[in-house]
C-alpha atoms as a PDB file:
ATOM      1  CA  MET A   1      -0.095  -0.033   0.235  1.00  0.00           C
ATOM      2  CA  ARG A   2       2.951   2.489   0.974  1.00  0.00           C
ATOM      3  CA  THR A   3       4.118   1.569  -2.921  1.00  0.00           C
ATOM      4  CA  VAL A   4       1.181   2.804  -4.555  1.00  0.00           C
ATOM      5  CA  HIS A   5       0.980   5.894  -2.563  1.00  0.00           C
ATOM      6  CA  LEU A   6       4.531   6.843  -3.028  1.00  0.00           C
ATOM      7  CA  VAL A   7       4.022   6.396  -6.679  1.00  0.00           C
ATOM      8  CA  VAL A   8       1.101   8.297  -6.419  1.00  0.00           C
ATOM      9  CA  VAL A   9       3.214  11.145  -4.633  1.00  0.00           C
ATOM     10  CA  LEU A  10       5.314  10.992  -7.425  1.00  0.00           C
ATOM     11  CA  ALA A  11       3.648  11.269 -10.179  1.00  0.00           C
ATOM     12  CA  LEU A  12       1.600  13.951  -8.647  1.00  0.00           C
ATOM     13  CA  ALA A  13       5.339  15.922  -7.813  1.00  0.00           C
ATOM     14  CA  LEU A  14       5.999  15.713 -11.129  1.00  0.00           C
ATOM     15  CA  GLY A  15       3.059  16.575 -12.510  1.00  0.00           C
ATOM     16  CA  VAL A  16       2.107  13.148 -14.424  1.00  0.00           C
ATOM     17  CA  MET A  17      -1.224  13.286 -12.968  1.00  0.00           C
ATOM     18  CA  THR A  18      -3.176  15.700 -11.263  1.00  0.00           C
ATOM     19  CA  SER A  19      -5.430  15.414  -7.912  1.00  0.00           C
ATOM     20  CA  GLU A  20      -8.889  15.243 -10.835  1.00  0.00           C
ATOM     21  CA  THR A  21      -7.060  11.757 -12.731  1.00  0.00           C
ATOM     22  CA  TRP A  22      -5.979  10.047  -9.354  1.00  0.00           C
ATOM     23  CA  ALA A  23      -9.743  11.045  -8.367  1.00  0.00           C
ATOM     24  CA  GLN A  24     -10.902   9.429 -11.604  1.00  0.00           C
ATOM     25  CA  ASP A  25      -8.292   6.348 -11.131  1.00  0.00           C
ATOM     26  CA  ALA A  26      -9.347   5.298  -7.607  1.00  0.00           C
ATOM     27  CA  ALA A  27     -13.187   5.507  -7.749  1.00  0.00           C
ATOM     28  CA  PRO A  28     -14.294   2.134  -8.421  1.00  0.00           C
ATOM     29  CA  ALA A  29     -16.416   1.431 -12.037  1.00  0.00           C
ATOM     30  CA  PRO A  30     -20.054   1.898 -11.960  1.00  0.00           C
ATOM     31  CA  ALA A  31     -21.520  -1.370 -12.435  1.00  0.00           C
ATOM     32  CA  PRO A  32     -23.713  -1.641 -15.574  1.00  0.00           C
ATOM     33  CA  ALA A  33     -27.320  -0.831 -14.772  1.00  0.00           C
ATOM     34  CA  GLU A  34     -29.559  -4.384 -13.846  1.00  0.00           C
ATOM     35  CA  ARG A  35     -32.450  -4.649 -16.776  1.00  0.00           C
ATOM     36  CA  GLN A  36     -35.576  -3.859 -15.095  1.00  0.00           C
ATOM     37  CA  ILE A  37     -39.521  -3.887 -15.350  1.00  0.00           C
ATOM     38  CA  GLN A  38     -41.707  -2.057 -14.375  1.00  0.00           C
ATOM     39  CA  VAL A  39     -45.065  -3.329 -14.528  1.00  0.00           C
ATOM     40  CA  THR A  40     -48.268  -0.921 -13.972  1.00  0.00           C
ATOM     41  CA  ILE A  41     -51.026  -3.297 -12.511  1.00  0.00           C
ATOM     42  CA  LEU A  42     -54.797  -2.369 -11.889  1.00  0.00           C
ATOM     43  CA  GLY A  43     -57.334  -3.933  -9.834  1.00  0.00           C
ATOM     44  CA  MET A  44     -55.399  -5.031  -6.410  1.00  0.00           C
ATOM     45  CA  SER A  45     -56.909  -4.577  -3.727  1.00  0.00           C
ATOM     46  CA  CYS A  46     -55.484  -6.027  -1.112  1.00  0.00           C
ATOM     47  CA  PRO A  47     -51.930  -7.865   0.185  1.00  0.00           C
ATOM     48  CA  PHE A  48     -53.424 -11.275  -1.010  1.00  0.00           C
ATOM     49  CA  CYS A  49     -53.372  -9.652  -4.390  1.00  0.00           C
ATOM     50  CA  ALA A  50     -49.979  -8.249  -4.894  1.00  0.00           C
ATOM     51  CA  TYR A  51     -49.240 -12.067  -3.113  1.00  0.00           C
ATOM     52  CA  GLY A  52     -50.975 -13.740  -6.162  1.00  0.00           C
ATOM     53  CA  VAL A  53     -49.431 -11.540  -8.577  1.00  0.00           C
ATOM     54  CA  GLU A  54     -46.179 -11.979  -7.299  1.00  0.00           C
ATOM     55  CA  GLN A  55     -46.463 -15.622  -7.103  1.00  0.00           C
ATOM     56  CA  LYS A  56     -46.923 -15.671 -10.863  1.00  0.00           C
ATOM     57  CA  LEU A  57     -44.896 -12.987 -11.783  1.00  0.00           C
ATOM     58  CA  LYS A  58     -41.684 -15.099  -9.846  1.00  0.00           C
ATOM     59  CA  LYS A  59     -41.928 -18.095 -11.701  1.00  0.00           C
ATOM     60  CA  LEU A  60     -41.766 -16.515 -15.266  1.00  0.00           C
ATOM     61  CA  LYS A  61     -38.129 -17.914 -16.183  1.00  0.00           C
ATOM     62  CA  GLY A  62     -35.484 -15.318 -16.043  1.00  0.00           C
ATOM     63  CA  VAL A  63     -36.614 -13.015 -12.807  1.00  0.00           C
ATOM     64  CA  LYS A  64     -33.389 -12.549 -10.318  1.00  0.00           C
ATOM     65  CA  GLU A  65     -36.075 -10.221  -7.806  1.00  0.00           C
ATOM     66  CA  LEU A  66     -39.158  -9.074  -7.926  1.00  0.00           C
ATOM     67  CA  GLU A  67     -41.069  -6.240  -5.914  1.00  0.00           C
ATOM     68  CA  VAL A  68     -44.844  -5.653  -6.015  1.00  0.00           C
ATOM     69  CA  VAL A  69     -46.063  -2.755  -4.121  1.00  0.00           C
ATOM     70  CA  LEU A  70     -49.953  -2.599  -3.214  1.00  0.00           C
ATOM     71  CA  GLU A  71     -50.139   1.055  -3.172  1.00  0.00           C
ATOM     72  CA  THR A  72     -48.832   1.817  -6.164  1.00  0.00           C
ATOM     73  CA  GLY A  73     -49.578  -0.917  -8.253  1.00  0.00           C
ATOM     74  CA  LEU A  74     -46.410  -1.171  -9.335  1.00  0.00           C
ATOM     75  CA  ALA A  75     -44.085  -4.560  -9.962  1.00  0.00           C
ATOM     76  CA  THR A  76     -40.763  -4.236 -10.277  1.00  0.00           C
ATOM     77  CA  LEU A  77     -39.233  -7.054 -12.360  1.00  0.00           C
ATOM     78  CA  THR A  78     -34.967  -7.648 -12.063  1.00  0.00           C
ATOM     79  CA  LEU A  79     -34.016  -9.796 -14.692  1.00  0.00           C
ATOM     80  CA  GLU A  80     -31.100 -11.872 -15.047  1.00  0.00           C
ATOM     81  CA  GLU A  81     -28.679 -10.492 -17.553  1.00  0.00           C
ATOM     82  CA  GLY A  82     -29.115 -11.096 -21.347  1.00  0.00           C
ATOM     83  CA  VAL A  83     -32.392 -11.687 -20.139  1.00  0.00           C
ATOM     84  CA  ASP A  84     -35.907 -10.081 -21.442  1.00  0.00           C
ATOM     85  CA  VAL A  85     -39.845 -11.113 -21.027  1.00  0.00           C
ATOM     86  CA  SER A  86     -41.982 -10.023 -23.350  1.00  0.00           C
ATOM     87  CA  ASN A  87     -45.122  -7.851 -23.291  1.00  0.00           C
ATOM     88  CA  GLU A  88     -47.544 -10.558 -24.323  1.00  0.00           C
ATOM     89  CA  MET A  89     -46.289 -13.284 -21.308  1.00  0.00           C
ATOM     90  CA  LEU A  90     -46.344 -10.291 -18.816  1.00  0.00           C
ATOM     91  CA  ARG A  91     -49.909  -9.700 -19.275  1.00  0.00           C
ATOM     92  CA  LYS A  92     -50.732 -13.106 -19.831  1.00  0.00           C
ATOM     93  CA  THR A  93     -49.273 -13.888 -16.324  1.00  0.00           C
ATOM     94  CA  VAL A  94     -51.159 -11.331 -15.016  1.00  0.00           C
ATOM     95  CA  LYS A  95     -53.928 -12.199 -16.391  1.00  0.00           C
ATOM     96  CA  GLU A  96     -53.815 -15.267 -14.837  1.00  0.00           C
ATOM     97  CA  ALA A  97     -53.051 -14.068 -11.714  1.00  0.00           C
ATOM     98  CA  GLY A  98     -57.489 -12.283 -11.924  1.00  0.00           C
ATOM     99  CA  PHE A  99     -55.697  -8.654 -12.656  1.00  0.00           C
ATOM    100  CA  GLU A 100     -54.900  -6.222 -15.799  1.00  0.00           C
ATOM    101  CA  VAL A 101     -51.499  -4.654 -16.931  1.00  0.00           C
ATOM    102  CA  ALA A 102     -52.423  -0.975 -17.583  1.00  0.00           C
ATOM    103  CA  LYS A 103     -48.287  -0.227 -18.015  1.00  0.00           C
ATOM    104  CA  ILE A 104     -44.999  -1.799 -19.141  1.00  0.00           C
ATOM    105  CA  VAL A 105     -42.077   0.292 -18.796  1.00  0.00           C
ATOM    106  CA  ARG A 106     -38.209  -0.900 -19.301  1.00  0.00           C
ATOM    107  CA  ASN A 107     -35.097   0.178 -18.624  1.00  0.00           C
ATOM    108  CA  PHE A 108     -33.328  -1.260 -21.477  1.00  0.00           C
ATOM    109  CA  GLU A 109     -34.058  -1.692 -25.163  1.00  0.00           C
ATOM    110  CA  SER A 110     -36.154  -4.888 -25.730  1.00  0.00           C
ATOM    111  CA  GLU A 111     -35.249  -8.019 -28.441  1.00  0.00           C
ATOM    112  CA  TYR A 112     -38.837  -7.878 -28.631  1.00  0.00           C
ATOM    113  CA  PRO A 113     -38.819  -4.975 -31.138  1.00  0.00           C
ATOM    114  CA  GLU A 114     -42.863  -5.015 -31.711  1.00  0.00           C
ATOM    115  CA  PHE A 115     -42.616  -4.534 -27.757  1.00  0.00           C
ATOM    116  CA  SER A 116     -40.804  -0.887 -27.336  1.00  0.00           C
ATOM    117  CA  SER A 117     -39.418   0.310 -24.430  1.00  0.00           C
ATOM    118  CA  LYS A 118     -41.316   3.106 -26.042  1.00  0.00           C
ATOM    119  CA  ARG A 119     -45.227   1.883 -26.262  1.00  0.00           C
ATOM    120  CA  GLY A 120     -46.935   0.629 -22.971  1.00  0.00           C
END
């Protein structure tokens, strides 16, 4: 560790590195954003409703994490890297739980061109 500090001090003294460069080099690289889909669900009125939707959605292939918030009607699916789920599959799964999808938004470009993130 002392060697690293000595090298940095020498580099700063010689003008090879500026304090801004050191700060950039020392900062960890940002992690890539996780692939998430947010589904707005209509009709959930109780904790059991949210639980039922959660049980159905978490069975979809590639779902790494899932959060269903009853108060907002929002389900957030965090997917495994490289995985996507079509809007059709999301709507079908929510319908099987007894509810309706109002909106679907991805934080990544979908592999399903007909289900662009700009559409609902």
